[in-house]
């Protein structure tokens, strides 16, 4: 089929017009715009990678920091767990002939405090349950204080050879004996926690957060007092008997089984105000919700604890090098 010439020209004109219109409405990419877009995309990608690397670097630093802290405290925790295990083994060996074993430690505390509460109950001031918790908390802390003093008079004189045999330093020996006292205290604290739960569940509250803090303070003070008592007995041996008698005296002049309720200006009030042990007993009871909160008790306790710990540190630094030779 032969297409006439004028038809071919018309067809060419139509095709050419369509191509021009297509090219007219089509956006031709600009090389500069393409390069700018690529550079922006590259910059944003680099920034994102830097942010990821920075975050990853912070994460690594945090992980390294945690690992460093863990490496520092891990030996101390291991040492602490080892001493607690030794204390448990020793306590169990002392009670191996009995069926209840170490449970006799809190049981004896329970029996003695029940007797104290029944004999010295003040019916006109407090209920039986509240007074028993008052006596129980006071006796548990008093037992810890009394053991700290009476068991520390002859540590260096009689137990330093034990420390040398077990590769313990002088401070390690006193720390080991502190763990023994804390082990007994923890058993009695379990008894106190059970008594508070069953006899006064309403007293459980945020004040229990004070318990770890006061236990740390008691541990530091016990360690310092133990060394100071042993040091004074080494220089003045007759103080051993005086400490033994003085502890019995302090048992009666401290508010363990009596309180100042109804006697705000009498002898009991004077003993409570000027006996430092009474402030420790008050703060300890308050941490378990036994009694109202008294800031003065905490202030006196913290001040006394600071003085005792500072004195213990100074005494240890000045006598550690030669005191073992004076035994």
Protein backbone atom coordinates (compact mmCIF):
# COMPACT_ATOMS: atom_id res chain seq x y z
CA UNK A 1 0.00 0.00 0.00
CA UNK A 2 1.38 3.34 -1.03
CA UNK A 3 0.67 6.32 1.28
CA UNK A 4 0.25 9.59 -0.51
CA UNK A 5 2.90 12.17 0.07
CA UNK A 6 0.60 14.74 1.65
CA UNK A 7 -0.58 12.09 4.19
CA UNK A 8 2.99 11.31 5.12
CA UNK A 9 3.70 14.99 5.80
CA UNK A 10 0.60 15.29 7.99
CA UNK A 11 1.62 12.20 9.96
CA UNK A 12 5.12 13.58 10.49
CA UNK A 13 3.74 16.89 11.72
CA UNK A 14 1.49 15.11 14.20
CA UNK A 15 4.31 12.92 15.58
CA UNK A 16 6.62 15.89 15.86
CA UNK A 17 4.01 17.92 17.75
CA UNK A 18 3.41 15.14 20.22
CA UNK A 19 7.14 14.75 20.85
CA UNK A 20 7.53 18.50 21.43
CA UNK A 21 4.56 18.58 23.81
CA UNK A 22 5.97 15.56 25.68
CA UNK A 23 9.36 17.17 26.00
CA UNK A 24 7.76 20.48 26.97
CA UNK A 25 5.88 18.99 29.96
CA UNK A 26 8.64 16.61 31.03
CA UNK A 27 11.02 17.90 33.76
CA UNK A 28 14.59 17.42 32.76
CA UNK A 29 16.79 16.63 35.79
CA UNK A 30 19.32 19.29 36.75
CA UNK A 31 22.80 17.83 37.44
CA UNK A 32 23.47 20.41 40.19
CA UNK A 33 20.22 19.52 41.93
CA UNK A 34 21.08 15.84 41.71
CA UNK A 35 24.51 16.44 43.26
CA UNK A 36 23.04 18.63 46.02
CA UNK A 37 20.44 15.99 46.88
CA UNK A 38 23.07 13.30 46.95
CA UNK A 39 25.28 15.41 49.21
CA UNK A 40 22.40 16.08 51.61
CA UNK A 41 21.55 12.39 51.72
CA UNK A 42 25.19 11.53 52.34
CA UNK A 43 25.44 14.11 55.15
CA UNK A 44 22.29 12.86 56.84
CA UNK A 45 23.57 9.29 56.53
CA UNK A 46 26.91 10.27 58.07
CA UNK A 47 25.16 12.14 60.87
CA UNK A 48 22.96 9.14 61.57
CA UNK A 49 25.99 6.87 61.65
CA UNK A 50 27.78 9.24 64.02
CA UNK A 51 24.74 9.34 66.30
CA UNK A 52 24.60 5.56 66.32
CA UNK A 53 28.33 5.35 67.05
CA UNK A 54 28.01 7.96 69.81
CA UNK A 55 25.11 6.12 71.42
CA UNK A 56 26.97 2.85 71.04
CA UNK A 57 30.03 4.47 72.59
CA UNK A 58 28.00 5.70 75.56
CA UNK A 59 26.54 2.24 75.96
CA UNK A 60 30.02 0.75 75.93
CA UNK A 61 31.23 3.31 78.45
CA UNK A 62 28.27 2.57 80.71
CA UNK A 63 28.89 -1.15 80.43
CA UNK A 64 32.58 -0.65 81.16
CA UNK A 65 31.65 1.54 84.14
CA UNK A 66 29.32 -1.13 85.49
CA UNK A 67 31.95 -3.80 84.99
CA UNK A 68 34.53 -1.64 86.75
CA UNK A 69 32.21 -1.07 89.73
CA UNK A 70 31.39 -4.76 89.85
CA UNK A 71 35.09 -5.69 89.74
CA UNK A 72 35.73 -3.34 92.65
CA UNK A 73 32.91 -4.55 94.92
CA UNK A 74 33.00 -8.21 93.93
CA UNK A 75 36.03 -9.16 96.10
CA UNK A 76 34.48 -7.39 99.10
CA UNK A 77 31.14 -9.14 98.60
CA UNK A 78 32.93 -12.46 98.23
CA UNK A 79 34.86 -11.78 101.41
CA UNK A 80 31.64 -10.81 103.21
CA UNK A 81 29.83 -13.94 102.04
CA UNK A 82 32.79 -16.06 103.12
CA UNK A 83 32.79 -14.60 106.65
CA UNK A 84 29.01 -15.01 106.98
CA UNK A 85 29.36 -18.64 105.95
CA UNK A 86 32.12 -19.15 108.54
CA UNK A 87 29.91 -17.53 111.19
CA UNK A 88 27.06 -19.84 110.24
CA UNK A 89 29.29 -22.91 110.46
CA UNK A 90 30.67 -21.86 113.83
CA UNK A 91 27.21 -21.09 115.24
CA UNK A 92 25.88 -24.41 113.98
CA UNK A 93 28.82 -26.30 115.48
CA UNK A 94 28.17 -24.69 118.87
CA UNK A 95 24.56 -25.92 118.76
CA UNK A 96 25.19 -29.25 117.04
CA UNK A 97 24.07 -31.27 120.07
CA UNK A 98 20.56 -29.72 119.97
CA UNK A 99 17.77 -30.46 117.52
CA UNK A 100 16.88 -26.82 116.87
CA UNK A 101 20.48 -25.74 116.31
CA UNK A 102 20.97 -22.03 115.66
CA UNK A 103 17.25 -21.42 116.12
CA UNK A 104 17.94 -21.38 119.84
CA UNK A 105 19.47 -17.92 119.42
CA UNK A 106 16.19 -16.18 118.49
CA UNK A 107 14.19 -18.56 120.70
CA UNK A 108 16.19 -17.56 123.78
CA UNK A 109 15.62 -13.91 122.88
CA UNK A 110 11.90 -14.58 122.52
CA UNK A 111 11.61 -16.29 125.91
CA UNK A 112 13.62 -13.66 127.78
CA UNK A 113 11.75 -10.70 126.26
CA UNK A 114 8.38 -12.31 127.01
CA UNK A 115 9.44 -12.61 130.64
CA UNK A 116 10.58 -8.97 130.73
CA UNK A 117 7.34 -7.78 129.14
CA UNK A 118 5.21 -9.73 131.61
CA UNK A 119 7.11 -8.55 134.67
CA UNK A 120 7.53 -4.89 133.73
CA UNK A 121 4.27 -4.35 131.84
CA UNK A 122 2.79 -0.88 132.38
CA UNK A 123 -0.92 -1.54 132.00
CA UNK A 124 -1.97 2.07 132.22
CA UNK A 125 0.22 3.35 129.42
CA UNK A 126 0.48 0.86 126.57
CA UNK A 127 -1.13 -2.28 125.30
CA UNK A 128 0.52 -5.64 125.87
CA UNK A 129 1.43 -6.09 122.21
CA UNK A 130 2.92 -2.61 121.85
CA UNK A 131 4.93 -2.96 125.05
CA UNK A 132 6.26 -6.36 124.02
CA UNK A 133 7.47 -4.97 120.69
CA UNK A 134 9.07 -2.12 122.61
CA UNK A 135 10.93 -4.55 124.86
CA UNK A 136 11.85 -6.93 122.03
CA UNK A 137 13.36 -4.23 119.81
CA UNK A 138 15.24 -2.71 122.73
CA UNK A 139 16.65 -6.02 123.93
CA UNK A 140 17.78 -7.08 120.45
CA UNK A 141 19.81 -3.90 119.99
CA UNK A 142 21.06 -4.01 123.57
CA UNK A 143 22.27 -7.58 123.07
CA UNK A 144 24.27 -6.41 120.03
CA UNK A 145 25.77 -3.49 121.99
CA UNK A 146 26.63 -5.62 125.01
CA UNK A 147 28.24 -8.33 122.87
CA UNK A 148 30.30 -5.69 121.07
CA UNK A 149 31.84 -4.54 124.35
CA UNK A 150 32.14 -7.76 126.36
CA UNK A 151 33.54 -9.86 123.50
CA UNK A 152 36.12 -7.28 122.44
CA UNK A 153 38.14 -6.80 125.62
CA UNK A 154 40.71 -9.52 124.82
CA UNK A 155 40.63 -9.88 121.04
CA UNK A 156 44.27 -9.09 120.32
CA UNK A 157 45.48 -10.84 123.47
CA UNK A 158 43.76 -14.16 122.77
CA UNK A 159 42.79 -14.29 119.09
CA UNK A 160 45.63 -12.68 117.20
CA UNK A 161 47.35 -16.06 116.74
CA UNK A 162 44.12 -17.30 115.18
CA UNK A 163 44.24 -14.36 112.77
CA UNK A 164 47.84 -15.09 111.80
CA UNK A 165 47.04 -18.77 111.27
CA UNK A 166 44.14 -17.85 108.95
CA UNK A 167 46.04 -15.13 107.05
CA UNK A 168 43.96 -12.33 108.57
CA UNK A 169 45.23 -8.85 109.24
CA UNK A 170 44.44 -7.02 112.45
CA UNK A 171 41.54 -5.21 110.78
CA UNK A 172 40.42 -8.49 109.21
CA UNK A 173 40.25 -10.10 112.66
CA UNK A 174 37.98 -7.37 114.03
CA UNK A 175 35.90 -7.47 110.86
CA UNK A 176 35.44 -11.23 111.20
CA UNK A 177 34.23 -10.81 114.80
CA UNK A 178 31.88 -8.06 113.60
CA UNK A 179 30.36 -10.50 111.11
CA UNK A 180 29.78 -12.95 113.97
CA UNK A 181 27.84 -10.30 115.86
CA UNK A 182 25.91 -9.26 112.76
CA UNK A 183 24.96 -12.88 112.11
CA UNK A 184 23.37 -13.14 115.56
CA UNK A 185 21.72 -9.75 115.06
CA UNK A 186 20.21 -10.87 111.73
CA UNK A 187 18.64 -13.93 113.38
CA UNK A 188 17.08 -11.73 116.04
CA UNK A 189 15.93 -9.24 113.39
CA UNK A 190 14.01 -12.04 111.71
CA UNK A 191 12.24 -12.59 115.02
CA UNK A 192 11.50 -8.88 115.31
CA UNK A 193 10.17 -8.73 111.74
CA UNK A 194 7.83 -11.65 112.40
CA UNK A 195 6.64 -10.09 115.67
CA UNK A 196 5.91 -6.74 114.01
CA UNK A 197 4.09 -8.48 111.14
CA UNK A 198 1.80 -10.48 113.41
CA UNK A 199 1.34 -8.13 116.38
CA UNK A 200 1.32 -4.72 114.67
CA UNK A 201 0.85 -5.05 110.89
CA UNK A 202 -0.35 -1.46 110.71
CA UNK A 203 3.08 -0.20 111.72
CA UNK A 204 4.65 -1.49 108.50
CA UNK A 205 5.39 1.48 106.26
CA UNK A 206 8.03 3.61 104.52
CA UNK A 207 9.99 3.96 107.76
CA UNK A 208 11.36 0.46 107.12
CA UNK A 209 13.65 2.11 104.55
CA UNK A 210 15.61 3.42 107.53
CA UNK A 211 16.54 -0.10 108.63
CA UNK A 212 19.45 -0.64 106.17
CA UNK A 213 20.90 2.76 107.05
CA UNK A 214 20.81 2.22 110.80
CA UNK A 215 22.28 -1.27 110.40
CA UNK A 216 25.24 0.18 108.49
CA UNK A 217 25.72 2.80 111.23
CA UNK A 218 25.55 0.13 113.93
CA UNK A 219 28.10 -2.02 112.10
CA UNK A 220 30.59 0.85 111.76
CA UNK A 221 30.13 1.93 115.37
CA UNK A 222 30.47 -1.66 116.59
CA UNK A 223 33.73 -2.06 114.68
CA UNK A 224 35.16 1.19 116.08
CA UNK A 225 34.01 0.54 119.66
CA UNK A 226 35.41 -3.00 119.59
CA UNK A 227 38.88 -1.73 118.70
CA UNK A 228 38.74 1.13 121.22
CA UNK A 229 37.66 -1.20 124.03
CA UNK A 230 40.38 -3.73 123.23
CA UNK A 231 42.99 -0.96 123.00
CA UNK A 232 42.09 0.51 126.39
CA UNK A 233 42.15 -2.94 128.03
CA UNK A 234 45.62 -3.59 126.58
CA UNK A 235 46.97 -0.42 128.22
CA UNK A 236 44.81 -0.74 131.36
CA UNK A 237 44.02 -4.44 132.00
CA UNK A 238 41.79 -3.72 135.00
CA UNK A 239 39.28 -2.11 132.66
CA UNK A 240 38.25 -5.60 131.52
CA UNK A 241 36.40 -6.24 134.78
CA UNK A 242 35.03 -2.68 134.80
CA UNK A 243 33.55 -3.15 131.32
CA UNK A 244 31.91 -6.42 132.35
CA UNK A 245 30.29 -4.82 135.40
CA UNK A 246 29.46 -1.60 133.57
CA UNK A 247 27.45 -3.48 130.93
CA UNK A 248 25.19 -4.92 133.63
CA UNK A 249 24.72 -1.46 135.07
CA UNK A 250 23.87 0.03 131.68
CA UNK A 251 21.25 -2.66 131.15
CA UNK A 252 19.15 -1.22 133.98
CA UNK A 253 19.77 2.49 133.29
CA UNK A 254 18.90 2.17 129.58
CA UNK A 255 15.25 2.23 128.42
CA UNK A 256 15.11 -1.42 127.38
CA UNK A 257 12.19 -2.67 129.47
CA UNK A 258 11.01 0.69 130.83
CA UNK A 259 10.00 3.94 129.16
CA UNK A 260 9.61 7.59 130.13
CA UNK A 261 5.86 7.60 129.54
CA UNK A 262 4.23 9.41 132.44
CA UNK A 263 7.60 10.41 133.90
CA UNK A 264 8.69 13.33 131.79
CA UNK A 265 10.77 15.05 134.49
CA UNK A 266 11.87 12.22 136.76
CA UNK A 267 14.95 10.00 136.94
CA UNK A 268 13.97 8.03 133.87
CA UNK A 269 13.73 11.19 131.79
CA UNK A 270 17.22 12.22 132.91
CA UNK A 271 18.63 8.80 132.03
CA UNK A 272 16.93 8.90 128.64
CA UNK A 273 18.24 12.35 127.77
CA UNK A 274 21.84 11.88 128.90
CA UNK A 275 22.41 8.21 128.13
CA UNK A 276 23.62 7.89 124.50
CA UNK A 277 22.42 4.29 124.32
CA UNK A 278 18.84 5.46 124.82
CA UNK A 279 19.01 7.46 121.58
CA UNK A 280 20.28 4.42 119.69
CA UNK A 281 17.42 2.37 121.12
CA UNK A 282 14.89 5.05 120.18
CA UNK A 283 16.15 5.40 116.59
CA UNK A 284 16.26 1.62 116.19
CA UNK A 285 12.66 1.25 117.39
CA UNK A 286 11.48 4.09 115.16
CA UNK A 287 12.94 2.41 112.06
CA UNK A 288 10.58 -0.51 112.73
CA UNK A 289 7.59 1.71 113.40
CA UNK A 290 7.70 1.22 117.18
CA UNK A 291 7.09 4.66 118.62
CA UNK A 292 6.76 8.07 117.04
CA UNK A 293 9.54 9.68 115.03
CA UNK A 294 11.90 11.82 117.13
CA UNK A 295 14.52 13.79 115.16
CA UNK A 296 16.60 14.48 118.28
CA UNK A 297 17.27 10.76 118.69
CA UNK A 298 18.66 10.50 115.16
CA UNK A 299 20.73 13.67 115.54
CA UNK A 300 22.35 12.47 118.77
CA UNK A 301 22.88 8.99 117.34
CA UNK A 302 24.56 10.30 114.18
CA UNK A 303 26.73 12.72 116.15
CA UNK A 304 27.82 10.04 118.63
CA UNK A 305 28.48 7.58 115.81
CA UNK A 306 30.66 10.09 113.96
CA UNK A 307 32.76 10.77 117.08
CA UNK A 308 33.20 7.06 117.86
CA UNK A 309 34.10 6.14 114.27
CA UNK A 310 36.56 9.03 113.98
CA UNK A 311 38.18 8.03 117.28
CA UNK A 312 38.41 4.42 116.13
CA UNK A 313 40.05 5.37 112.83
CA UNK A 314 42.60 7.65 114.50
CA UNK A 315 43.39 5.05 117.16
CA UNK A 316 43.83 2.30 114.58
CA UNK A 317 46.12 4.35 112.36
CA UNK A 318 48.36 5.32 115.27
CA UNK A 319 48.55 1.94 117.03
CA UNK A 320 48.14 -0.70 114.31
CA UNK A 321 51.87 -1.04 113.75
CA UNK A 322 52.81 -1.85 117.36
CA UNK A 323 49.66 -2.75 119.34
CA UNK A 324 49.96 -6.46 118.49
CA UNK A 325 53.28 -6.52 120.33
CA UNK A 326 51.72 -5.19 123.53
CA UNK A 327 49.42 -8.13 124.13
